[in-house]
Full PDB file with SEQRES, HELIX, SHEET, SSBOND, CRYST1, ORIGX, SCALE, CONECT and MASTER records, all heavy atoms in Angstrom:
SEQRES   1 A   31  SER LYS LEU ILE PRO VAL THR GLN SER LYS GLU TRP LEU          
SEQRES   2 A   31  GLU GLU VAL PHE GLU GLU GLN VAL CYS GLY VAL ILE ALA          
SEQRES   3 A   31  GLU ASP TYR VAL LYS                                          
HELIX    1 AA1 VAL A    6  GLN A    8  5                                   3    
HELIX    2 AA2 LYS A   10  GLU A   15  1                                   6    
HELIX    3 AA3 VAL A   16  GLN A   20  3                                   5    
HELIX    4 AA4 VAL A   21  ASP A   28  1                                   8    
CRYST1    1.000    1.000    1.000  90.00  90.00  90.00 P 1           1          
ORIGX1      1.000000  0.000000  0.000000        0.00000                         
ORIGX2      0.000000  1.000000  0.000000        0.00000                         
ORIGX3      0.000000  0.000000  1.000000        0.00000                         
SCALE1      1.000000  0.000000  0.000000        0.00000                         
SCALE2      0.000000  1.000000  0.000000        0.00000                         
SCALE3      0.000000  0.000000  1.000000        0.00000                         
ATOM      1  N   SER A   1      99.991 131.406 -49.757  1.00  0.00           N  
ATOM      2  CA  SER A   1     101.401 131.130 -49.505  1.00  0.00           C  
ATOM      3  C   SER A   1     101.569 130.564 -48.100  1.00  0.00           C  
ATOM      4  O   SER A   1     100.650 130.662 -47.270  1.00  0.00           O  
ATOM      5  CB  SER A   1     102.239 132.398 -49.666  1.00  0.00           C  
ATOM      6  OG  SER A   1     101.882 133.352 -48.688  1.00  0.00           O  
ATOM      7  N   LYS A   2     102.728 130.001 -47.846  1.00  0.00           N  
ATOM      8  CA  LYS A   2     103.024 129.501 -46.505  1.00  0.00           C  
ATOM      9  C   LYS A   2     104.521 129.592 -46.245  1.00  0.00           C  
ATOM     10  O   LYS A   2     105.335 129.635 -47.174  1.00  0.00           O  
ATOM     11  CB  LYS A   2     102.542 128.062 -46.340  1.00  0.00           C  
ATOM     12  CG  LYS A   2     103.336 127.030 -47.119  1.00  0.00           C  
ATOM     13  CD  LYS A   2     102.888 125.618 -46.745  1.00  0.00           C  
ATOM     14  CE  LYS A   2     103.719 124.563 -47.483  1.00  0.00           C  
ATOM     15  NZ  LYS A   2     103.341 123.198 -47.081  1.00  0.00           N  
ATOM     16  N   LEU A   3     104.859 129.594 -44.971  1.00  0.00           N  
ATOM     17  CA  LEU A   3     106.255 129.618 -44.567  1.00  0.00           C  
ATOM     18  C   LEU A   3     106.749 128.189 -44.357  1.00  0.00           C  
ATOM     19  O   LEU A   3     106.061 127.367 -43.760  1.00  0.00           O  
ATOM     20  CB  LEU A   3     106.423 130.415 -43.264  1.00  0.00           C  
ATOM     21  CG  LEU A   3     106.276 131.927 -43.358  1.00  0.00           C  
ATOM     22  CD1 LEU A   3     106.293 132.538 -41.965  1.00  0.00           C  
ATOM     23  CD2 LEU A   3     107.387 132.528 -44.206  1.00  0.00           C  
ATOM     24  N   ILE A   4     107.943 127.911 -44.899  1.00  0.00           N  
ATOM     25  CA  ILE A   4     108.565 126.605 -44.703  1.00  0.00           C  
ATOM     26  C   ILE A   4     110.025 126.830 -44.294  1.00  0.00           C  
ATOM     27  O   ILE A   4     110.581 127.903 -44.545  1.00  0.00           O  
ATOM     28  CB  ILE A   4     108.519 125.736 -45.980  1.00  0.00           C  
ATOM     29  CG1 ILE A   4     109.302 126.422 -47.117  1.00  0.00           C  
ATOM     30  CG2 ILE A   4     107.095 125.429 -46.388  1.00  0.00           C  
ATOM     31  CD1 ILE A   4     109.522 125.529 -48.326  1.00  0.00           C  
ATOM     32  N   PRO A   5     110.662 125.846 -43.661  1.00  0.00           N  
ATOM     33  CA  PRO A   5     112.100 125.983 -43.391  1.00  0.00           C  
ATOM     34  C   PRO A   5     112.846 126.235 -44.691  1.00  0.00           C  
ATOM     35  O   PRO A   5     112.557 125.609 -45.715  1.00  0.00           O  
ATOM     36  CB  PRO A   5     112.470 124.625 -42.782  1.00  0.00           C  
ATOM     37  CG  PRO A   5     111.192 124.136 -42.164  1.00  0.00           C  
ATOM     38  CD  PRO A   5     110.104 124.610 -43.095  1.00  0.00           C  
ATOM     39  N   VAL A   6     113.798 127.159 -44.673  1.00  0.00           N  
ATOM     40  CA  VAL A   6     114.496 127.541 -45.903  1.00  0.00           C  
ATOM     41  C   VAL A   6     115.181 126.339 -46.547  1.00  0.00           C  
ATOM     42  O   VAL A   6     115.307 126.266 -47.780  1.00  0.00           O  
ATOM     43  CB  VAL A   6     115.511 128.668 -45.614  1.00  0.00           C  
ATOM     44  CG1 VAL A   6     116.653 128.175 -44.744  1.00  0.00           C  
ATOM     45  CG2 VAL A   6     116.029 129.275 -46.909  1.00  0.00           C  
ATOM     46  N   THR A   7     115.612 125.367 -45.750  1.00  0.00           N  
ATOM     47  CA  THR A   7     116.315 124.201 -46.288  1.00  0.00           C  
ATOM     48  C   THR A   7     115.399 123.247 -47.046  1.00  0.00           C  
ATOM     49  O   THR A   7     115.875 122.300 -47.664  1.00  0.00           O  
ATOM     50  CB  THR A   7     117.012 123.429 -45.156  1.00  0.00           C  
ATOM     51  OG1 THR A   7     116.046 123.081 -44.150  1.00  0.00           O  
ATOM     52  CG2 THR A   7     118.122 124.249 -44.535  1.00  0.00           C  
ATOM     53  N   GLN A   8     114.082 123.498 -46.991  1.00  0.00           N  
ATOM     54  CA  GLN A   8     113.145 122.677 -47.756  1.00  0.00           C  
ATOM     55  C   GLN A   8     112.733 123.358 -49.055  1.00  0.00           C  
ATOM     56  O   GLN A   8     111.954 122.788 -49.831  1.00  0.00           O  
ATOM     57  CB  GLN A   8     111.898 122.375 -46.915  1.00  0.00           C  
ATOM     58  CG  GLN A   8     112.159 121.489 -45.716  1.00  0.00           C  
ATOM     59  CD  GLN A   8     110.938 121.326 -44.843  1.00  0.00           C  
ATOM     60  OE1 GLN A   8     109.793 121.448 -45.299  1.00  0.00           O  
ATOM     61  NE2 GLN A   8     111.143 121.063 -43.562  1.00  0.00           N  
ATOM     62  N   SER A   9     113.241 124.538 -49.291  1.00  0.00           N  
ATOM     63  CA  SER A   9     112.861 125.262 -50.508  1.00  0.00           C  
ATOM     64  C   SER A   9     113.727 124.811 -51.676  1.00  0.00           C  
ATOM     65  O   SER A   9     114.911 124.504 -51.512  1.00  0.00           O  
ATOM     66  CB  SER A   9     113.024 126.769 -50.302  1.00  0.00           C  
ATOM     67  OG  SER A   9     114.392 127.126 -50.233  1.00  0.00           O  
ATOM     68  N   LYS A  10     113.125 124.785 -52.839  1.00  0.00           N  
ATOM     69  CA  LYS A  10     113.857 124.347 -54.025  1.00  0.00           C  
ATOM     70  C   LYS A  10     114.987 125.314 -54.358  1.00  0.00           C  
ATOM     71  O   LYS A  10     116.040 124.885 -54.854  1.00  0.00           O  
ATOM     72  CB  LYS A  10     112.908 124.205 -55.217  1.00  0.00           C  
ATOM     73  CG  LYS A  10     113.554 123.510 -56.400  1.00  0.00           C  
ATOM     74  CD  LYS A  10     112.536 123.046 -57.413  1.00  0.00           C  
ATOM     75  CE  LYS A  10     113.224 122.262 -58.536  1.00  0.00           C  
ATOM     76  NZ  LYS A  10     112.260 121.775 -59.548  1.00  0.00           N  
ATOM     77  N   GLU A  11     114.784 126.594 -54.069  1.00  0.00           N  
ATOM     78  CA  GLU A  11     115.824 127.587 -54.363  1.00  0.00           C  
ATOM     79  C   GLU A  11     117.083 127.322 -53.532  1.00  0.00           C  
ATOM     80  O   GLU A  11     118.203 127.376 -54.038  1.00  0.00           O  
ATOM     81  CB  GLU A  11     115.297 129.004 -54.094  1.00  0.00           C  
ATOM     82  CG  GLU A  11     114.244 129.486 -55.073  1.00  0.00           C  
ATOM     83  CD  GLU A  11     112.873 128.855 -54.831  1.00  0.00           C  
ATOM     84  OE1 GLU A  11     112.668 128.241 -53.743  1.00  0.00           O  
ATOM     85  OE2 GLU A  11     112.010 128.950 -55.724  1.00  0.00           O  
ATOM     86  N   TRP A  12     116.894 127.043 -52.245  1.00  0.00           N  
ATOM     87  CA  TRP A  12     118.037 126.779 -51.367  1.00  0.00           C  
ATOM     88  C   TRP A  12     118.739 125.492 -51.792  1.00  0.00           C  
ATOM     89  O   TRP A  12     119.968 125.435 -51.882  1.00  0.00           O  
ATOM     90  CB  TRP A  12     117.569 126.676 -49.918  1.00  0.00           C  
ATOM     91  CG  TRP A  12     118.681 126.544 -48.924  1.00  0.00           C  
ATOM     92  CD1 TRP A  12     119.362 127.563 -48.314  1.00  0.00           C  
ATOM     93  CD2 TRP A  12     119.260 125.330 -48.434  1.00  0.00           C  
ATOM     94  NE1 TRP A  12     120.328 127.054 -47.470  1.00  0.00           N  
ATOM     95  CE2 TRP A  12     120.291 125.686 -47.521  1.00  0.00           C  
ATOM     96  CE3 TRP A  12     119.017 123.978 -48.662  1.00  0.00           C  
ATOM     97  CZ2 TRP A  12     121.066 124.748 -46.843  1.00  0.00           C  
ATOM     98  CZ3 TRP A  12     119.793 123.032 -47.993  1.00  0.00           C  
ATOM     99  CH2 TRP A  12     120.803 123.420 -47.098  1.00  0.00           C  
ATOM    100  N   LEU A  13     117.960 124.458 -52.057  1.00  0.00           N  
ATOM    101  CA  LEU A  13     118.528 123.174 -52.473  1.00  0.00           C  
ATOM    102  C   LEU A  13     119.240 123.289 -53.813  1.00  0.00           C  
ATOM    103  O   LEU A  13     120.291 122.676 -54.022  1.00  0.00           O  
ATOM    104  CB  LEU A  13     117.418 122.118 -52.557  1.00  0.00           C  
ATOM    105  CG  LEU A  13     116.843 121.660 -51.216  1.00  0.00           C  
ATOM    106  CD1 LEU A  13     115.554 120.879 -51.433  1.00  0.00           C  
ATOM    107  CD2 LEU A  13     117.854 120.799 -50.453  1.00  0.00           C  
ATOM    108  N   GLU A  14     118.678 124.086 -54.713  1.00  0.00           N  
ATOM    109  CA  GLU A  14     119.301 124.278 -56.026  1.00  0.00           C  
ATOM    110  C   GLU A  14     120.707 124.858 -55.883  1.00  0.00           C  
ATOM    111  O   GLU A  14     121.643 124.421 -56.553  1.00  0.00           O  
ATOM    112  CB  GLU A  14     118.432 125.197 -56.881  1.00  0.00           C  
ATOM    113  CG  GLU A  14     118.947 125.380 -58.298  1.00  0.00           C  
ATOM    114  CD  GLU A  14     118.001 126.217 -59.152  1.00  0.00           C  
ATOM    115  OE1 GLU A  14     117.191 126.982 -58.580  1.00  0.00           O  
ATOM    116  OE2 GLU A  14     118.071 126.110 -60.379  1.00  0.00           O  
ATOM    117  N   GLU A  15     120.858 125.830 -54.993  1.00  0.00           N  
ATOM    118  CA  GLU A  15     122.177 126.418 -54.771  1.00  0.00           C  
ATOM    119  C   GLU A  15     123.147 125.384 -54.196  1.00  0.00           C  
ATOM    120  O   GLU A  15     124.317 125.325 -54.585  1.00  0.00           O  
ATOM    121  CB  GLU A  15     122.078 127.614 -53.829  1.00  0.00           C  
ATOM    122  CG  GLU A  15     123.419 128.299 -53.600  1.00  0.00           C  
ATOM    123  CD  GLU A  15     123.326 129.514 -52.705  1.00  0.00           C  
ATOM    124  OE1 GLU A  15     122.196 129.941 -52.387  1.00  0.00           O  
ATOM    125  OE2 GLU A  15     124.394 130.037 -52.309  1.00  0.00           O  
ATOM    126  N   VAL A  16     122.652 124.568 -53.265  1.00  0.00           N  
ATOM    127  CA  VAL A  16     123.500 123.531 -52.665  1.00  0.00           C  
ATOM    128  C   VAL A  16     123.931 122.517 -53.717  1.00  0.00           C  
ATOM    129  O   VAL A  16     125.116 122.171 -53.829  1.00  0.00           O  
ATOM    130  CB  VAL A  16     122.764 122.826 -51.502  1.00  0.00           C  
ATOM    131  CG1 VAL A  16     123.553 121.601 -51.029  1.00  0.00           C  
ATOM    132  CG2 VAL A  16     122.573 123.781 -50.335  1.00  0.00           C  
ATOM    133  N   PHE A  17     122.978 122.021 -54.502  1.00  0.00           N  
ATOM    134  CA  PHE A  17     123.278 120.995 -55.503  1.00  0.00           C  
ATOM    135  C   PHE A  17     124.167 121.524 -56.623  1.00  0.00           C  
ATOM    136  O   PHE A  17     125.076 120.838 -57.089  1.00  0.00           O  
ATOM    137  CB  PHE A  17     121.979 120.448 -56.107  1.00  0.00           C  
ATOM    138  CG  PHE A  17     121.153 119.629 -55.147  1.00  0.00           C  
ATOM    139  CD1 PHE A  17     119.768 119.565 -55.269  1.00  0.00           C  
ATOM    140  CD2 PHE A  17     121.742 118.915 -54.124  1.00  0.00           C  
ATOM    141  CE1 PHE A  17     119.005 118.814 -54.402  1.00  0.00           C  
ATOM    142  CE2 PHE A  17     120.988 118.158 -53.240  1.00  0.00           C  
ATOM    143  CZ  PHE A  17     119.605 118.106 -53.380  1.00  0.00           C  
ATOM    144  N   GLU A  18     123.902 122.746 -57.071  1.00  0.00           N  
ATOM    145  CA  GLU A  18     124.603 123.262 -58.249  1.00  0.00           C  
ATOM    146  C   GLU A  18     125.898 124.000 -57.925  1.00  0.00           C  
ATOM    147  O   GLU A  18     126.808 124.030 -58.755  1.00  0.00           O  
ATOM    148  CB  GLU A  18     123.667 124.180 -59.040  1.00  0.00           C  
ATOM    149  CG  GLU A  18     122.476 123.449 -59.651  1.00  0.00           C  
ATOM    150  CD  GLU A  18     121.655 124.336 -60.562  1.00  0.00           C  
ATOM    151  OE1 GLU A  18     122.051 125.500 -60.772  1.00  0.00           O  
ATOM    152  OE2 GLU A  18     120.614 123.869 -61.077  1.00  0.00           O  
ATOM    153  N   GLU A  19     125.998 124.570 -56.721  1.00  0.00           N  
ATOM    154  CA  GLU A  19     127.136 125.438 -56.440  1.00  0.00           C  
ATOM    155  C   GLU A  19     128.037 124.948 -55.300  1.00  0.00           C  
ATOM    156  O   GLU A  19     129.178 125.381 -55.201  1.00  0.00           O  
ATOM    157  CB  GLU A  19     126.637 126.856 -56.097  1.00  0.00           C  
ATOM    158  CG  GLU A  19     125.746 127.491 -57.151  1.00  0.00           C  
ATOM    159  CD  GLU A  19     126.466 127.773 -58.449  1.00  0.00           C  
ATOM    160  OE1 GLU A  19     127.711 127.886 -58.424  1.00  0.00           O  
ATOM    161  OE2 GLU A  19     125.793 127.861 -59.496  1.00  0.00           O  
ATOM    162  N   GLN A  20     127.544 124.079 -54.428  1.00  0.00           N  
ATOM    163  CA  GLN A  20     128.288 123.816 -53.205  1.00  0.00           C  
ATOM    164  C   GLN A  20     128.715 122.359 -53.002  1.00  0.00           C  
ATOM    165  O   GLN A  20     129.895 122.079 -52.783  1.00  0.00           O  
ATOM    166  CB  GLN A  20     127.454 124.258 -51.990  1.00  0.00           C  
ATOM    167  CG  GLN A  20     127.115 125.744 -51.993  1.00  0.00           C  
ATOM    168  CD  GLN A  20     126.264 126.145 -50.798  1.00  0.00           C  
ATOM    169  OE1 GLN A  20     126.229 125.481 -49.777  1.00  0.00           O  
ATOM    170  NE2 GLN A  20     125.553 127.259 -50.940  1.00  0.00           N  
ATOM    171  N   VAL A  21     127.763 121.451 -53.067  1.00  0.00           N  
ATOM    172  CA  VAL A  21     128.027 120.098 -52.567  1.00  0.00           C  
ATOM    173  C   VAL A  21     129.125 119.369 -53.334  1.00  0.00           C  
ATOM    174  O   VAL A  21     129.966 118.673 -52.739  1.00  0.00           O  
ATOM    175  CB  VAL A  21     126.714 119.280 -52.524  1.00  0.00           C  
ATOM    176  CG1 VAL A  21     126.242 118.907 -53.920  1.00  0.00           C  
ATOM    177  CG2 VAL A  21     126.884 118.029 -51.680  1.00  0.00           C  
ATOM    178  N   CYS A  22     129.175 119.511 -54.641  1.00  0.00           N  
ATOM    179  CA  CYS A  22     130.202 118.797 -55.417  1.00  0.00           C  
ATOM    180  C   CYS A  22     131.594 119.381 -55.183  1.00  0.00           C  
ATOM    181  O   CYS A  22     132.593 118.661 -55.289  1.00  0.00           O  
ATOM    182  CB  CYS A  22     129.852 118.797 -56.910  1.00  0.00           C  
ATOM    183  SG  CYS A  22     128.480 117.680 -57.311  1.00  0.00           S  
ATOM    184  N   GLY A  23     131.652 120.664 -54.841  1.00  0.00           N  
ATOM    185  CA  GLY A  23     132.932 121.248 -54.484  1.00  0.00           C  
ATOM    186  C   GLY A  23     133.470 120.640 -53.198  1.00  0.00           C  
ATOM    187  O   GLY A  23     134.671 120.358 -53.079  1.00  0.00           O  
ATOM    188  N   VAL A  24     132.589 120.421 -52.237  1.00  0.00           N  
ATOM    189  CA  VAL A  24     132.979 119.776 -50.976  1.00  0.00           C  
ATOM    190  C   VAL A  24     133.445 118.352 -51.230  1.00  0.00           C  
ATOM    191  O   VAL A  24     134.476 117.902 -50.705  1.00  0.00           O  
ATOM    192  CB  VAL A  24     131.798 119.778 -49.980  1.00  0.00           C  
ATOM    193  CG1 VAL A  24     132.135 118.945 -48.740  1.00  0.00           C  
ATOM    194  CG2 VAL A  24     131.445 121.203 -49.574  1.00  0.00           C  
ATOM    195  N   ILE A  25     132.697 117.621 -52.051  1.00  0.00           N  
ATOM    196  CA  ILE A  25     133.040 116.224 -52.332  1.00  0.00           C  
ATOM    197  C   ILE A  25     134.363 116.131 -53.084  1.00  0.00           C  
ATOM    198  O   ILE A  25     135.200 115.260 -52.792  1.00  0.00           O  
ATOM    199  CB  ILE A  25     131.889 115.552 -53.110  1.00  0.00           C  
ATOM    200  CG1 ILE A  25     130.674 115.396 -52.184  1.00  0.00           C  
ATOM    201  CG2 ILE A  25     132.319 114.190 -53.662  1.00  0.00           C  
ATOM    202  CD1 ILE A  25     129.415 114.930 -52.869  1.00  0.00           C  
ATOM    203  N   ALA A  26     134.591 117.026 -54.033  1.00  0.00           N  
ATOM    204  CA  ALA A  26     135.856 117.016 -54.777  1.00  0.00           C  
ATOM    205  C   ALA A  26     137.042 117.278 -53.863  1.00  0.00           C  
ATOM    206  O   ALA A  26     138.149 116.771 -54.098  1.00  0.00           O  
ATOM    207  CB  ALA A  26     135.813 118.054 -55.898  1.00  0.00           C  
ATOM    208  N   GLU A  27     136.814 118.049 -52.793  1.00  0.00           N  
ATOM    209  CA  GLU A  27     137.902 118.416 -51.882  1.00  0.00           C  
ATOM    210  C   GLU A  27     138.128 117.393 -50.777  1.00  0.00           C  
ATOM    211  O   GLU A  27     139.272 117.096 -50.420  1.00  0.00           O  
ATOM    212  CB  GLU A  27     137.596 119.781 -51.258  1.00  0.00           C  
ATOM    213  CG  GLU A  27     138.699 120.306 -50.349  1.00  0.00           C  
ATOM    214  CD  GLU A  27     138.435 121.708 -49.840  1.00  0.00           C  
ATOM    215  OE1 GLU A  27     137.642 122.428 -50.485  1.00  0.00           O  
ATOM    216  OE2 GLU A  27     139.004 122.080 -48.807  1.00  0.00           O  
ATOM    217  N   ASP A  28     137.044 116.851 -50.240  1.00  0.00           N  
ATOM    218  CA  ASP A  28     137.146 115.998 -49.044  1.00  0.00           C  
ATOM    219  C   ASP A  28     137.095 114.502 -49.333  1.00  0.00           C  
ATOM    220  O   ASP A  28     137.291 113.692 -48.421  1.00  0.00           O  
ATOM    221  CB  ASP A  28     136.024 116.336 -48.056  1.00  0.00           C  
ATOM    222  CG  ASP A  28     136.168 117.744 -47.485  1.00  0.00           C  
ATOM    223  OD1 ASP A  28     137.274 118.319 -47.600  1.00  0.00           O  
ATOM    224  OD2 ASP A  28     135.184 118.268 -46.925  1.00  0.00           O  
ATOM    225  N   TYR A  29     136.826 114.136 -50.592  1.00  0.00           N  
ATOM    226  CA  TYR A  29     136.708 112.719 -50.949  1.00  0.00           C  
ATOM    227  C   TYR A  29     137.861 112.319 -51.871  1.00  0.00           C  
ATOM    228  O   TYR A  29     138.510 113.164 -52.481  1.00  0.00           O  
ATOM    229  CB  TYR A  29     135.375 112.446 -51.645  1.00  0.00           C  
ATOM    230  CG  TYR A  29     134.164 112.487 -50.737  1.00  0.00           C  
ATOM    231  CD1 TYR A  29     133.786 113.669 -50.082  1.00  0.00           C  
ATOM    232  CD2 TYR A  29     133.377 111.363 -50.527  1.00  0.00           C  
ATOM    233  CE1 TYR A  29     132.675 113.712 -49.252  1.00  0.00           C  
ATOM    234  CE2 TYR A  29     132.258 111.392 -49.705  1.00  0.00           C  
ATOM    235  CZ  TYR A  29     131.915 112.570 -49.073  1.00  0.00           C  
ATOM    236  OH  TYR A  29     130.815 112.600 -48.252  1.00  0.00           O  
ATOM    237  N   VAL A  30     138.075 111.024 -51.983  1.00  0.00           N  
ATOM    238  CA  VAL A  30     139.137 110.518 -52.838  1.00  0.00           C  
ATOM    239  C   VAL A  30     138.585 109.367 -53.685  1.00  0.00           C  
ATOM    240  O   VAL A  30     137.696 108.633 -53.247  1.00  0.00           O  
ATOM    241  CB  VAL A  30     140.340 110.031 -51.992  1.00  0.00           C  
ATOM    242  CG1 VAL A  30     139.961 108.835 -51.127  1.00  0.00           C  
ATOM    243  CG2 VAL A  30     141.531 109.684 -52.872  1.00  0.00           C  
ATOM    244  N   LYS A  31     139.085 109.275 -54.896  1.00  0.00           N  
ATOM    245  CA  LYS A  31     138.742 108.116 -55.731  1.00  0.00           C  
ATOM    246  C   LYS A  31     139.695 106.987 -55.366  1.00  0.00           C  
ATOM    247  O   LYS A  31     140.909 107.162 -55.354  1.00  0.00           O  
ATOM    248  CB  LYS A  31     138.877 108.451 -57.219  1.00  0.00           C  
ATOM    249  CG  LYS A  31     138.338 107.333 -58.128  1.00  0.00           C  
ATOM    250  CD  LYS A  31     138.407 107.734 -59.592  1.00  0.00           C  
ATOM    251  CE  LYS A  31     139.764 107.424 -60.165  1.00  0.00           C  
ATOM    252  NZ  LYS A  31     139.828 107.660 -61.624  1.00  0.00           N  
TER     253      LYS A  31                                                      
MASTER        0    0    0    4    0    0    0    6  252    1    0    3          
END                                                                             
């Protein structure tokens, strides 16, 4: 095993992609 920055882990990215980023875009962006 090895230690990596948490932001490079698939688990962390999965949460961002599936739970967070589109909510931000829906709120802060406009069509």
